[in-house]
């Protein structure tokens, strides 16, 4: 299985490249939609499908399972992700569009934390932010739940991700250091 999942610290894709096949645990996934868009019969039949599924679904495995259930085998020749989190293809640009956009490209750029809007935003003062950027924990009085939070400056600028504990302690996870000067 060519997968980023790990077994004993090794990604499965690296083991697969060495010819080592690892039995994977079955996991529950949700297939919300499975629609056949095109079918071309023949010695090497071709089937194009649309799948809307939960995270963790391996489409390659789904193709293999479908082929096995039909008794003919199956594999992918192409995979196109049309949605990921809050983004879909309407947010995307082709390489040609990027190259020809010029200065207008700036207006199409999304904030760095656009895909993290589901996380609570915690606005901190500059002293606290500086400590987090240096890898230090800070204590803040807030009513935020424990868990991962987006850290922002008063201006709204995203600074990074931190883990908030119920006692008000914030520990840096991934911070974005900027150099001004």
N, C-alpha and C. Protein backbone atom coordinates (compact mmCIF):
# COMPACT_ATOMS: atom_id res chain seq x y z
N UNK A 1 0.84 -1.17 0.00
CA UNK A 1 0.00 0.00 0.00
C UNK A 1 0.89 1.23 0.00
N UNK A 2 0.65 2.09 -0.95
CA UNK A 2 1.39 3.35 -1.02
C UNK A 2 0.61 4.37 -0.19
N UNK A 3 1.04 4.56 1.04
CA UNK A 3 0.32 5.39 1.99
C UNK A 3 1.31 6.11 2.89
N UNK A 4 0.90 7.27 3.39
CA UNK A 4 1.73 8.01 4.33
C UNK A 4 1.55 7.50 5.76
N UNK A 5 0.59 6.59 5.97
CA UNK A 5 0.45 5.98 7.29
C UNK A 5 1.76 5.31 7.66
N UNK A 6 2.00 5.20 8.96
CA UNK A 6 3.28 4.64 9.40
C UNK A 6 3.09 3.33 10.15
N UNK A 7 4.07 2.46 10.01
CA UNK A 7 4.17 1.21 10.76
C UNK A 7 5.55 1.20 11.39
N UNK A 8 5.61 1.18 12.72
CA UNK A 8 6.88 1.22 13.45
C UNK A 8 7.74 2.41 13.00
N UNK A 9 7.10 3.57 12.79
CA UNK A 9 7.82 4.78 12.43
C UNK A 9 8.18 4.92 10.96
N UNK A 10 7.88 3.91 10.15
CA UNK A 10 8.20 3.94 8.72
C UNK A 10 6.94 4.17 7.91
N UNK A 11 6.92 5.16 7.00
CA UNK A 11 5.76 5.34 6.13
C UNK A 11 5.54 4.08 5.28
N UNK A 12 4.26 3.70 5.12
CA UNK A 12 3.94 2.49 4.36
C UNK A 12 4.43 2.58 2.92
N UNK A 13 4.48 3.79 2.34
CA UNK A 13 4.93 3.89 0.96
C UNK A 13 6.40 3.51 0.83
N UNK A 14 7.21 3.80 1.87
CA UNK A 14 8.62 3.41 1.81
C UNK A 14 8.76 1.90 1.90
N UNK A 15 7.96 1.28 2.76
CA UNK A 15 7.98 -0.18 2.87
C UNK A 15 7.51 -0.81 1.57
N UNK A 16 6.48 -0.23 0.95
CA UNK A 16 5.96 -0.77 -0.31
C UNK A 16 7.03 -0.71 -1.41
N UNK A 17 7.80 0.37 -1.43
CA UNK A 17 8.87 0.48 -2.43
C UNK A 17 9.95 -0.56 -2.22
N UNK A 18 10.06 -1.08 -0.98
CA UNK A 18 11.03 -2.14 -0.68
C UNK A 18 10.41 -3.52 -0.92
N UNK A 19 9.17 -3.54 -1.40
CA UNK A 19 8.50 -4.81 -1.65
C UNK A 19 7.88 -5.43 -0.41
N UNK A 20 7.79 -4.66 0.67
CA UNK A 20 7.21 -5.16 1.92
C UNK A 20 5.75 -4.74 1.99
N UNK A 21 4.86 -5.71 2.03
CA UNK A 21 3.42 -5.44 2.12
C UNK A 21 2.99 -5.57 3.58
N UNK A 22 2.37 -4.54 4.11
CA UNK A 22 1.92 -4.53 5.50
C UNK A 22 0.41 -4.65 5.52
N UNK A 23 -0.09 -5.56 6.33
CA UNK A 23 -1.54 -5.69 6.51
C UNK A 23 -2.03 -4.49 7.31
N UNK A 24 -3.00 -3.79 6.75
CA UNK A 24 -3.51 -2.60 7.40
C UNK A 24 -4.81 -2.92 8.12
N UNK A 25 -5.01 -2.24 9.24
CA UNK A 25 -6.27 -2.38 9.95
C UNK A 25 -7.38 -1.72 9.15
N UNK A 26 -8.54 -2.37 9.10
CA UNK A 26 -9.69 -1.76 8.43
C UNK A 26 -10.13 -0.56 9.26
N UNK A 27 -10.58 0.47 8.58
CA UNK A 27 -11.10 1.63 9.30
C UNK A 27 -12.42 2.04 8.69
N UNK A 28 -13.27 2.60 9.52
CA UNK A 28 -14.57 3.04 9.05
C UNK A 28 -14.43 4.34 8.28
N UNK A 29 -15.02 4.37 7.11
CA UNK A 29 -15.07 5.59 6.30
C UNK A 29 -16.52 5.76 5.84
N UNK A 30 -16.84 6.94 5.38
CA UNK A 30 -18.19 7.21 4.90
C UNK A 30 -18.11 7.58 3.43
N UNK A 31 -18.86 6.86 2.61
CA UNK A 31 -18.99 7.20 1.19
C UNK A 31 -20.35 7.89 1.05
N UNK A 32 -20.34 9.20 0.87
CA UNK A 32 -21.58 9.97 0.77
C UNK A 32 -22.18 9.87 -0.62
N UNK A 33 -21.33 9.76 -1.63
CA UNK A 33 -21.81 9.66 -3.01
C UNK A 33 -20.83 8.82 -3.81
N UNK A 34 -21.36 8.00 -4.69
CA UNK A 34 -20.54 7.21 -5.60
C UNK A 34 -21.33 7.15 -6.91
N UNK A 35 -20.97 7.99 -7.86
CA UNK A 35 -21.71 8.11 -9.11
C UNK A 35 -20.83 7.75 -10.29
N UNK A 36 -21.36 6.92 -11.20
CA UNK A 36 -20.62 6.59 -12.42
C UNK A 36 -20.88 7.70 -13.43
N UNK A 37 -19.82 8.34 -13.90
CA UNK A 37 -19.91 9.43 -14.86
C UNK A 37 -19.76 8.95 -16.28
N UNK A 38 -18.96 7.89 -16.47
CA UNK A 38 -18.69 7.39 -17.82
C UNK A 38 -18.29 5.92 -17.71
N UNK A 39 -18.65 5.15 -18.74
CA UNK A 39 -18.23 3.76 -18.80
C UNK A 39 -17.97 3.39 -20.26
N UNK A 40 -16.79 2.85 -20.52
CA UNK A 40 -16.44 2.39 -21.86
C UNK A 40 -16.10 0.91 -21.73
N UNK A 41 -16.97 0.03 -22.26
CA UNK A 41 -16.71 -1.41 -22.15
C UNK A 41 -15.58 -1.84 -23.07
N UNK A 42 -15.10 -3.04 -22.87
CA UNK A 42 -14.05 -3.58 -23.72
C UNK A 42 -13.13 -4.47 -22.93
N UNK A 43 -12.07 -4.95 -23.63
CA UNK A 43 -11.11 -5.82 -22.96
C UNK A 43 -10.50 -5.12 -21.75
N UNK A 44 -10.25 -3.83 -21.90
CA UNK A 44 -9.79 -3.00 -20.78
C UNK A 44 -10.85 -1.93 -20.56
N UNK A 45 -11.89 -2.31 -19.86
CA UNK A 45 -12.99 -1.38 -19.62
C UNK A 45 -12.50 -0.17 -18.83
N UNK A 46 -13.16 0.94 -19.06
CA UNK A 46 -12.82 2.20 -18.39
C UNK A 46 -14.07 2.71 -17.70
N UNK A 47 -13.93 3.11 -16.46
CA UNK A 47 -15.05 3.63 -15.70
C UNK A 47 -14.60 4.91 -15.00
N UNK A 48 -15.34 5.99 -15.21
CA UNK A 48 -15.04 7.24 -14.51
C UNK A 48 -16.12 7.45 -13.47
N UNK A 49 -15.69 7.70 -12.22
CA UNK A 49 -16.65 7.86 -11.13
C UNK A 49 -16.40 9.14 -10.36
N UNK A 50 -17.44 9.59 -9.68
CA UNK A 50 -17.34 10.71 -8.75
C UNK A 50 -17.60 10.14 -7.37
N UNK A 51 -16.71 10.42 -6.43
CA UNK A 51 -16.85 9.93 -5.06
C UNK A 51 -16.78 11.11 -4.10
N UNK A 52 -17.76 11.19 -3.22
CA UNK A 52 -17.69 12.15 -2.10
C UNK A 52 -17.56 11.29 -0.85
N UNK A 53 -16.46 11.50 -0.12
CA UNK A 53 -16.16 10.58 0.98
C UNK A 53 -15.56 11.32 2.17
N UNK A 54 -15.49 10.61 3.28
CA UNK A 54 -14.89 11.17 4.49
C UNK A 54 -13.37 11.12 4.37
N UNK A 55 -12.72 11.88 5.24
CA UNK A 55 -11.26 11.84 5.25
C UNK A 55 -10.82 10.44 5.65
N UNK A 56 -9.65 10.06 5.18
CA UNK A 56 -9.14 8.73 5.49
C UNK A 56 -9.55 7.67 4.49
N UNK A 57 -10.33 8.04 3.48
CA UNK A 57 -10.75 7.07 2.46
C UNK A 57 -9.65 6.96 1.42
N UNK A 58 -9.23 5.74 1.13
CA UNK A 58 -8.23 5.51 0.10
C UNK A 58 -8.94 5.16 -1.20
N UNK A 59 -8.95 6.10 -2.13
CA UNK A 59 -9.66 5.91 -3.38
C UNK A 59 -9.02 4.78 -4.19
N UNK A 60 -7.71 4.65 -4.13
CA UNK A 60 -7.05 3.54 -4.84
C UNK A 60 -7.56 2.20 -4.32
N UNK A 61 -7.70 2.08 -3.01
CA UNK A 61 -8.23 0.85 -2.43
C UNK A 61 -9.69 0.65 -2.83
N UNK A 62 -10.44 1.73 -2.89
CA UNK A 62 -11.83 1.65 -3.31
C UNK A 62 -11.93 1.11 -4.74
N UNK A 63 -11.06 1.58 -5.63
CA UNK A 63 -11.04 1.10 -7.02
C UNK A 63 -10.68 -0.38 -7.07
N UNK A 64 -9.68 -0.77 -6.27
CA UNK A 64 -9.29 -2.19 -6.24
C UNK A 64 -10.43 -3.06 -5.70
N UNK A 65 -11.10 -2.59 -4.65
CA UNK A 65 -12.22 -3.34 -4.07
C UNK A 65 -13.37 -3.46 -5.05
N UNK A 66 -13.67 -2.39 -5.77
CA UNK A 66 -14.74 -2.42 -6.77
C UNK A 66 -14.43 -3.43 -7.86
N UNK A 67 -13.20 -3.38 -8.38
CA UNK A 67 -12.80 -4.34 -9.41
C UNK A 67 -12.86 -5.77 -8.91
N UNK A 68 -12.42 -5.99 -7.68
CA UNK A 68 -12.44 -7.35 -7.11
C UNK A 68 -13.88 -7.85 -6.96
N UNK A 69 -14.78 -6.96 -6.55
CA UNK A 69 -16.18 -7.38 -6.37
C UNK A 69 -16.84 -7.71 -7.71
N UNK A 70 -16.34 -7.12 -8.79
CA UNK A 70 -16.86 -7.41 -10.13
C UNK A 70 -16.12 -8.58 -10.77
N UNK A 71 -15.06 -9.04 -10.12
CA UNK A 71 -14.29 -10.17 -10.64
C UNK A 71 -13.40 -9.82 -11.81
N UNK A 72 -13.05 -8.54 -11.94
CA UNK A 72 -12.24 -8.12 -13.10
C UNK A 72 -10.96 -7.40 -12.70
N UNK A 73 -10.79 -7.08 -11.44
CA UNK A 73 -9.64 -6.27 -11.03
C UNK A 73 -9.92 -4.81 -11.31
N UNK A 74 -9.19 -3.95 -10.66
CA UNK A 74 -9.39 -2.53 -10.87
C UNK A 74 -8.23 -1.73 -10.33
N UNK A 75 -7.99 -0.58 -10.93
CA UNK A 75 -6.96 0.33 -10.46
C UNK A 75 -7.28 1.73 -10.96
N UNK A 76 -6.56 2.70 -10.45
CA UNK A 76 -6.75 4.09 -10.87
C UNK A 76 -5.81 4.43 -12.01
N UNK A 77 -6.31 5.21 -12.94
CA UNK A 77 -5.44 5.80 -13.94
C UNK A 77 -5.29 7.30 -13.69
N UNK A 78 -6.21 7.86 -12.90
CA UNK A 78 -6.14 9.28 -12.55
C UNK A 78 -6.95 9.50 -11.28
N UNK A 79 -6.55 10.52 -10.54
CA UNK A 79 -7.27 10.90 -9.33
C UNK A 79 -7.28 12.41 -9.27
N UNK A 80 -8.47 12.98 -9.16
CA UNK A 80 -8.59 14.44 -9.10
C UNK A 80 -9.39 14.81 -7.86
N UNK A 81 -8.74 15.47 -6.93
CA UNK A 81 -9.41 15.92 -5.71
C UNK A 81 -10.12 17.23 -6.04
N UNK A 82 -11.43 17.25 -5.86
CA UNK A 82 -12.21 18.44 -6.19
C UNK A 82 -12.54 19.29 -4.97
N UNK A 83 -12.40 18.71 -3.78
CA UNK A 83 -12.61 19.44 -2.54
C UNK A 83 -11.63 18.95 -1.49
N UNK A 84 -11.20 19.86 -0.65
CA UNK A 84 -10.38 19.50 0.50
C UNK A 84 -10.66 20.54 1.58
N UNK A 85 -11.28 20.10 2.67
CA UNK A 85 -11.65 21.03 3.72
C UNK A 85 -12.59 22.09 3.19
N UNK A 86 -12.32 23.36 3.44
CA UNK A 86 -13.22 24.42 2.98
C UNK A 86 -12.98 24.84 1.53
N UNK A 87 -12.05 24.22 0.85
CA UNK A 87 -11.68 24.63 -0.50
C UNK A 87 -12.26 23.69 -1.55
N UNK A 88 -12.58 24.27 -2.71
CA UNK A 88 -12.97 23.44 -3.85
C UNK A 88 -12.33 24.02 -5.11
N UNK A 89 -12.65 23.42 -6.24
CA UNK A 89 -11.98 23.83 -7.48
C UNK A 89 -12.25 25.29 -7.87
N UNK A 90 -13.34 25.87 -7.38
CA UNK A 90 -13.59 27.28 -7.71
C UNK A 90 -12.53 28.19 -7.07
N UNK A 91 -11.84 27.69 -6.05
CA UNK A 91 -10.76 28.45 -5.41
C UNK A 91 -9.43 28.29 -6.14
N UNK A 92 -9.36 27.34 -7.06
CA UNK A 92 -8.09 26.99 -7.70
C UNK A 92 -7.84 27.84 -8.95
N UNK A 93 -6.57 27.90 -9.32
CA UNK A 93 -6.16 28.55 -10.56
C UNK A 93 -5.25 27.59 -11.31
N UNK A 94 -5.31 27.65 -12.62
CA UNK A 94 -4.39 26.85 -13.42
C UNK A 94 -3.03 27.54 -13.41
N UNK A 95 -2.00 26.81 -13.77
CA UNK A 95 -0.66 27.40 -13.85
C UNK A 95 -0.65 28.57 -14.82
N UNK A 96 -1.36 28.43 -15.93
CA UNK A 96 -1.41 29.51 -16.93
C UNK A 96 -2.07 30.76 -16.34
N UNK A 97 -3.13 30.57 -15.54
CA UNK A 97 -3.79 31.71 -14.91
C UNK A 97 -2.85 32.41 -13.92
N UNK A 98 -2.10 31.63 -13.18
CA UNK A 98 -1.14 32.20 -12.22
C UNK A 98 -0.08 33.00 -12.97
N UNK A 99 0.44 32.42 -14.05
CA UNK A 99 1.51 33.08 -14.81
C UNK A 99 1.04 34.37 -15.46
N UNK A 100 -0.22 34.42 -15.87
CA UNK A 100 -0.70 35.61 -16.58
C UNK A 100 -1.39 36.62 -15.65
N UNK A 101 -1.53 36.31 -14.38
CA UNK A 101 -2.28 37.18 -13.46
C UNK A 101 -1.55 38.47 -13.14
N UNK A 102 -0.24 38.46 -13.17
CA UNK A 102 0.52 39.66 -12.83
C UNK A 102 0.21 40.14 -11.43
N UNK A 103 -0.02 41.46 -11.28
CA UNK A 103 -0.30 42.05 -9.97
C UNK A 103 -1.65 41.61 -9.41
N UNK A 104 -2.57 41.16 -10.28
CA UNK A 104 -3.89 40.71 -9.81
C UNK A 104 -3.80 39.44 -8.99
N UNK A 105 -2.67 38.75 -9.07
CA UNK A 105 -2.51 37.51 -8.32
C UNK A 105 -2.65 37.75 -6.82
N UNK A 106 -2.19 38.89 -6.36
CA UNK A 106 -2.25 39.21 -4.93
C UNK A 106 -3.69 39.20 -4.43
N UNK A 107 -4.63 39.63 -5.25
CA UNK A 107 -6.03 39.67 -4.82
C UNK A 107 -6.63 38.28 -4.71
N UNK A 108 -6.03 37.28 -5.34
CA UNK A 108 -6.55 35.90 -5.29
C UNK A 108 -5.94 35.09 -4.14
N UNK A 109 -4.87 35.60 -3.54
CA UNK A 109 -4.23 34.86 -2.46
C UNK A 109 -5.12 34.84 -1.22
N UNK A 110 -5.18 33.71 -0.58
CA UNK A 110 -5.97 33.56 0.64
C UNK A 110 -5.06 33.76 1.85
N UNK A 111 -5.64 34.17 2.97
CA UNK A 111 -4.83 34.27 4.19
C UNK A 111 -4.23 32.91 4.54
N UNK A 112 -3.08 32.91 5.18
CA UNK A 112 -2.37 31.67 5.47
C UNK A 112 -3.21 30.73 6.34
N UNK A 113 -4.11 31.28 7.15
CA UNK A 113 -4.92 30.44 8.02
C UNK A 113 -6.33 30.20 7.47
N UNK A 114 -6.52 30.38 6.18
CA UNK A 114 -7.85 30.21 5.58
C UNK A 114 -8.41 28.81 5.80
N UNK A 115 -7.57 27.82 5.82
CA UNK A 115 -8.04 26.46 6.03
C UNK A 115 -8.19 26.08 7.48
N UNK A 116 -7.97 27.02 8.37
CA UNK A 116 -8.00 26.74 9.81
C UNK A 116 -9.12 27.49 10.53
N UNK A 117 -10.08 28.00 9.78
CA UNK A 117 -11.13 28.83 10.37
C UNK A 117 -11.98 28.09 11.39
N UNK A 118 -11.97 26.78 11.36
CA UNK A 118 -12.74 25.99 12.32
C UNK A 118 -12.11 26.00 13.71
N UNK A 119 -10.86 26.43 13.81
CA UNK A 119 -10.19 26.52 15.11
C UNK A 119 -10.49 27.86 15.77
N UNK A 120 -10.59 27.85 17.09
CA UNK A 120 -10.80 29.08 17.84
C UNK A 120 -9.61 30.02 17.64
N UNK A 121 -9.92 31.30 17.41
CA UNK A 121 -8.85 32.30 17.27
C UNK A 121 -8.61 32.94 18.63
N UNK A 122 -7.35 32.99 19.02
CA UNK A 122 -6.94 33.59 20.28
C UNK A 122 -6.05 34.78 19.96
N UNK A 123 -6.51 35.98 20.29
CA UNK A 123 -5.74 37.19 20.04
C UNK A 123 -4.91 37.50 21.28
N UNK A 124 -3.61 37.63 21.06
CA UNK A 124 -2.67 37.87 22.16
C UNK A 124 -1.91 39.17 21.95
N UNK A 125 -1.37 39.67 23.04
CA UNK A 125 -0.52 40.86 22.99
C UNK A 125 0.87 40.50 22.49
N UNK A 126 1.62 41.52 22.15
CA UNK A 126 2.95 41.31 21.57
C UNK A 126 3.91 40.59 22.51
N UNK A 127 3.82 40.85 23.81
CA UNK A 127 4.71 40.17 24.75
C UNK A 127 4.47 38.66 24.75
N UNK A 128 3.20 38.27 24.79
CA UNK A 128 2.87 36.85 24.77
C UNK A 128 3.29 36.21 23.45
N UNK A 129 3.05 36.92 22.36
CA UNK A 129 3.41 36.38 21.05
C UNK A 129 4.92 36.19 20.95
N UNK A 130 5.67 37.16 21.44
CA UNK A 130 7.14 37.04 21.39
C UNK A 130 7.61 35.81 22.16
N UNK A 131 7.02 35.55 23.31
CA UNK A 131 7.38 34.36 24.08
C UNK A 131 7.05 33.08 23.30
N UNK A 132 5.88 33.04 22.70
CA UNK A 132 5.50 31.86 21.91
C UNK A 132 6.46 31.65 20.74
N UNK A 133 6.85 32.74 20.09
CA UNK A 133 7.78 32.65 18.97
C UNK A 133 9.14 32.12 19.40
N UNK A 134 9.47 32.31 20.68
CA UNK A 134 10.73 31.80 21.22
C UNK A 134 10.57 30.41 21.83
N UNK A 135 9.40 29.81 21.63
CA UNK A 135 9.17 28.46 22.11
C UNK A 135 8.72 28.36 23.55
N UNK A 136 8.44 29.50 24.17
CA UNK A 136 8.02 29.50 25.57
C UNK A 136 6.50 29.39 25.69
N UNK A 137 6.07 28.84 26.80
CA UNK A 137 4.64 28.79 27.11
C UNK A 137 4.24 30.11 27.76
N UNK A 138 2.97 30.45 27.60
CA UNK A 138 2.45 31.65 28.26
C UNK A 138 1.14 31.31 28.95
N UNK A 139 0.85 32.05 30.01
CA UNK A 139 -0.42 31.90 30.71
C UNK A 139 -1.29 33.09 30.33
N UNK A 140 -2.50 32.81 29.94
CA UNK A 140 -3.42 33.88 29.58
C UNK A 140 -4.75 33.60 30.26
N UNK A 141 -5.44 34.65 30.60
CA UNK A 141 -6.78 34.50 31.16
C UNK A 141 -7.75 34.53 29.99
N UNK A 142 -8.36 33.40 29.75
CA UNK A 142 -9.35 33.34 28.67
C UNK A 142 -10.35 32.26 28.98
N UNK A 143 -11.43 32.30 28.26
CA UNK A 143 -12.44 31.27 28.43
C UNK A 143 -12.45 30.33 27.23
N UNK A 144 -11.33 30.29 26.52
CA UNK A 144 -11.22 29.39 25.38
C UNK A 144 -11.14 27.95 25.88
N UNK A 145 -11.71 27.06 25.13
CA UNK A 145 -11.62 25.65 25.46
C UNK A 145 -10.19 25.17 25.27
N UNK A 146 -9.89 24.06 25.90
CA UNK A 146 -8.57 23.49 25.67
C UNK A 146 -8.54 22.89 24.28
N UNK A 147 -7.35 22.78 23.72
CA UNK A 147 -7.19 22.24 22.38
C UNK A 147 -6.34 23.17 21.54
N UNK A 148 -6.29 22.87 20.26
CA UNK A 148 -5.48 23.68 19.35
C UNK A 148 -6.21 24.97 19.00
N UNK A 149 -5.48 26.07 19.05
CA UNK A 149 -6.05 27.38 18.74
C UNK A 149 -5.17 28.09 17.71
N UNK A 150 -5.80 29.01 16.97
CA UNK A 150 -5.07 29.91 16.08
C UNK A 150 -4.65 31.12 16.89
N UNK A 151 -3.39 31.47 16.84
CA UNK A 151 -2.90 32.64 17.57
C UNK A 151 -2.79 33.80 16.58
N UNK A 152 -3.32 34.96 17.01
CA UNK A 152 -3.30 36.14 16.14
C UNK A 152 -2.88 37.36 16.94
N UNK A 153 -2.34 38.33 16.20
CA UNK A 153 -2.04 39.64 16.78
C UNK A 153 -3.34 40.44 16.85
N UNK A 154 -3.29 41.57 17.54
CA UNK A 154 -4.46 42.45 17.63
C UNK A 154 -4.90 42.91 16.25
N UNK A 155 -3.96 43.01 15.31
CA UNK A 155 -4.28 43.42 13.94
C UNK A 155 -5.03 42.34 13.17
N UNK A 156 -5.10 41.13 13.74
CA UNK A 156 -5.73 40.00 13.06
C UNK A 156 -4.74 39.11 12.34
N UNK A 157 -3.47 39.53 12.29
CA UNK A 157 -2.45 38.74 11.59
C UNK A 157 -2.24 37.39 12.27
N UNK A 158 -2.31 36.34 11.50
CA UNK A 158 -2.10 34.98 12.00
C UNK A 158 -0.63 34.80 12.36
N UNK A 159 -0.38 34.24 13.55
CA UNK A 159 0.99 34.06 14.02
C UNK A 159 1.37 32.59 14.12
N UNK A 160 0.38 31.74 14.34
CA UNK A 160 0.69 30.32 14.43
C UNK A 160 -0.38 29.53 15.16
N UNK A 161 -0.03 28.28 15.44
CA UNK A 161 -0.92 27.38 16.17
C UNK A 161 -0.33 27.08 17.53
N UNK A 162 -1.20 26.99 18.51
CA UNK A 162 -0.76 26.68 19.87
C UNK A 162 -1.77 25.74 20.51
N UNK A 163 -1.33 25.09 21.56
CA UNK A 163 -2.21 24.20 22.31
C UNK A 163 -2.59 24.89 23.61
N UNK A 164 -3.89 25.05 23.80
CA UNK A 164 -4.40 25.70 25.01
C UNK A 164 -4.84 24.62 25.99
N UNK A 165 -4.46 24.80 27.24
CA UNK A 165 -4.90 23.86 28.28
C UNK A 165 -6.02 24.52 29.09
N UNK A 166 -6.74 23.72 29.83
CA UNK A 166 -7.88 24.22 30.60
C UNK A 166 -7.46 25.23 31.67
N UNK A 167 -6.20 25.16 32.10
CA UNK A 167 -5.73 26.09 33.13
C UNK A 167 -5.25 27.42 32.55
N UNK A 168 -5.42 27.63 31.24
CA UNK A 168 -5.06 28.90 30.62
C UNK A 168 -3.65 28.96 30.07
N UNK A 169 -2.91 27.85 30.13
CA UNK A 169 -1.55 27.85 29.59
C UNK A 169 -1.61 27.58 28.08
N UNK A 170 -0.81 28.33 27.35
CA UNK A 170 -0.73 28.20 25.90
C UNK A 170 0.68 27.76 25.54
N UNK A 171 0.77 26.65 24.81
CA UNK A 171 2.08 26.14 24.38
C UNK A 171 2.17 26.22 22.86
N UNK A 172 3.27 26.76 22.33
CA UNK A 172 3.39 26.89 20.87
C UNK A 172 3.49 25.52 20.20
N UNK A 173 2.82 25.38 19.06
CA UNK A 173 2.94 24.18 18.24
C UNK A 173 3.69 24.49 16.95
N UNK A 174 3.14 25.38 16.14
CA UNK A 174 3.76 25.80 14.88
C UNK A 174 3.60 27.31 14.78
N UNK A 175 4.70 28.01 14.89
CA UNK A 175 4.66 29.46 14.86
C UNK A 175 5.33 29.95 13.58
N UNK A 176 4.89 31.12 13.12
CA UNK A 176 5.44 31.72 11.91
C UNK A 176 6.24 32.94 12.31
N UNK A 177 7.54 32.82 12.22
CA UNK A 177 8.42 33.93 12.56
C UNK A 177 8.53 34.85 11.36
N UNK A 178 8.34 36.13 11.59
CA UNK A 178 8.52 37.11 10.52
C UNK A 178 9.67 38.01 10.89
N UNK A 179 10.39 38.43 9.88
CA UNK A 179 11.53 39.32 10.12
C UNK A 179 11.17 40.69 9.60
N UNK A 180 11.11 41.63 10.49
CA UNK A 180 10.82 43.00 10.08
C UNK A 180 12.10 43.82 10.15
N UNK A 181 12.28 44.65 9.18
CA UNK A 181 13.48 45.46 9.25
C UNK A 181 14.00 45.85 7.98
